[in-house]
Structures are given as structure tokens and as C-alpha cells.
Amino acid sequence: MGSACGLLCKLAGREVPQWETPVELKDRVAELLTGYEPTNEREKNVIHMLHYYHPDETADEQVKELIGWGYDEQRLWQMQRK
């Protein structure tokens, strides 16, 4: 969920909100998306997933790192081949 939250903030042109718990992160990102119109089906799917996701209480450094990955993603919707 962390990378999805970061990605959705980026797509909406908003900064990642301050949060203490994963539930709070999910709720605050959902609030930021109020009025945001997805530009394609992929964006719609990520928003749909956020709304139906039930986060646990794990708020560790990995979650913060994943948020950064989503927010800083330069090649949206492209697979990177190795």
C-alpha cells in the first residue's frame, strides 16, 4: 500500500500527508483524492484498490521507503527489464 499511496499523491499533484498509522495514511491519501479525476483505467484501479485495502498496524521504515518509491516513480506503468 505504501507505494500506491506515494503514486496516488504524485498523480494528484499533492505532497504525501503526515501520518502516524497506516490507517491514517490510507484515510489522508483518500481525502487528497477528493475531486481528482483519474486519467486512465490504471489510475482508476489503483484508487479502487486503496479504497478497499485494509492496512495492518505496521508503520516501519519499509512502509516509508515504499511511499518514496511510488512518489518518485519516473516510468509509470512501464515494466523494467533486467
Protein backbone atom coordinates (compact mmCIF):
# COMPACT_ATOMS: atom_id res chain seq x y z
CA MET A 1 0.00 0.00 0.00
CA GLY A 2 2.89 2.37 0.65
CA SER A 3 3.95 2.62 -2.98
CA ALA A 4 0.32 3.05 -4.10
CA CYS A 5 -0.16 5.94 -1.66
CA GLY A 6 3.01 7.63 -2.87
CA LEU A 7 2.00 7.12 -6.50
CA LEU A 8 -1.51 8.49 -5.95
CA CYS A 9 -0.15 11.60 -4.23
CA LYS A 10 2.17 12.15 -7.18
CA LEU A 11 -0.63 11.69 -9.72
CA ALA A 12 -2.85 14.13 -7.82
CA GLY A 13 -0.02 16.68 -7.61
CA ARG A 14 -0.02 16.62 -3.82
CA GLU A 15 2.61 16.02 -1.16
CA VAL A 16 2.42 12.88 0.94
CA PRO A 17 0.49 13.83 4.09
CA GLN A 18 1.81 13.45 7.62
CA TRP A 19 0.65 10.22 9.23
CA GLU A 20 1.22 8.06 12.29
CA THR A 21 -0.55 4.80 11.42
CA PRO A 22 -1.20 3.02 8.12
CA VAL A 23 -4.94 3.53 8.58
CA GLU A 24 -4.35 7.27 8.95
CA LEU A 25 -2.15 7.25 5.82
CA LYS A 26 -4.85 5.50 3.80
CA ASP A 27 -7.55 7.89 5.02
CA ARG A 28 -5.49 11.02 4.39
CA VAL A 29 -4.49 9.95 0.88
CA ALA A 30 -8.14 9.16 0.13
CA GLU A 31 -9.05 12.69 1.30
CA LEU A 32 -6.41 14.18 -1.01
CA LEU A 33 -8.03 12.40 -3.94
CA THR A 34 -11.39 14.10 -3.41
CA GLY A 35 -12.23 15.71 -6.74
CA TYR A 36 -9.33 14.02 -8.56
CA GLU A 37 -10.34 12.53 -11.91
CA PRO A 38 -8.24 9.53 -12.97
CA THR A 39 -6.87 9.88 -16.48
CA ASN A 40 -6.96 6.17 -17.35
CA GLU A 41 -8.05 2.72 -16.18
CA ARG A 42 -4.76 2.07 -14.38
CA GLU A 43 -5.24 5.09 -12.16
CA LYS A 44 -8.86 4.06 -11.52
CA ASN A 45 -7.69 0.60 -10.48
CA VAL A 46 -5.09 1.92 -8.02
CA ILE A 47 -7.67 4.25 -6.45
CA HIS A 48 -10.13 1.35 -6.25
CA MET A 49 -7.52 -0.80 -4.51
CA LEU A 50 -6.78 1.95 -1.99
CA HIS A 51 -10.44 2.26 -1.03
CA TYR A 52 -10.80 -1.47 -0.39
CA TYR A 53 -7.42 -2.05 1.26
CA HIS A 54 -7.42 -2.92 4.98
CA PRO A 55 -3.98 -1.98 6.34
CA ASP A 56 -2.43 -3.60 9.37
CA GLU A 57 -0.69 -1.58 12.06
CA THR A 58 2.85 -1.96 10.70
CA ALA A 59 4.33 1.52 10.22
CA ASP A 60 8.01 0.80 9.82
CA GLU A 61 10.82 2.17 7.66
CA GLN A 62 9.89 -0.18 4.82
CA VAL A 63 6.47 1.46 4.51
CA LYS A 64 8.13 4.89 4.35
CA GLU A 65 10.57 3.63 1.72
CA LEU A 66 7.73 2.23 -0.40
CA ILE A 67 5.88 5.55 -0.23
CA GLY A 68 9.01 7.23 -1.61
CA TRP A 69 9.29 4.66 -4.39
CA GLY A 70 5.72 5.34 -5.50
CA TYR A 71 6.09 9.11 -5.26
CA ASP A 72 9.42 9.22 -7.09
CA GLU A 73 8.49 6.75 -9.85
CA GLN A 74 9.57 8.18 -13.21
CA ARG A 75 8.34 5.42 -15.53
CA LEU A 76 4.72 4.97 -14.64
CA TRP A 77 3.10 1.83 -15.95
CA GLN A 78 6.29 0.54 -17.62
CA MET A 79 7.98 -2.73 -16.79
CA GLN A 80 11.72 -2.55 -16.29
CA ARG A 81 13.56 -5.41 -17.90
CA LYS A 82 16.74 -6.72 -16.36
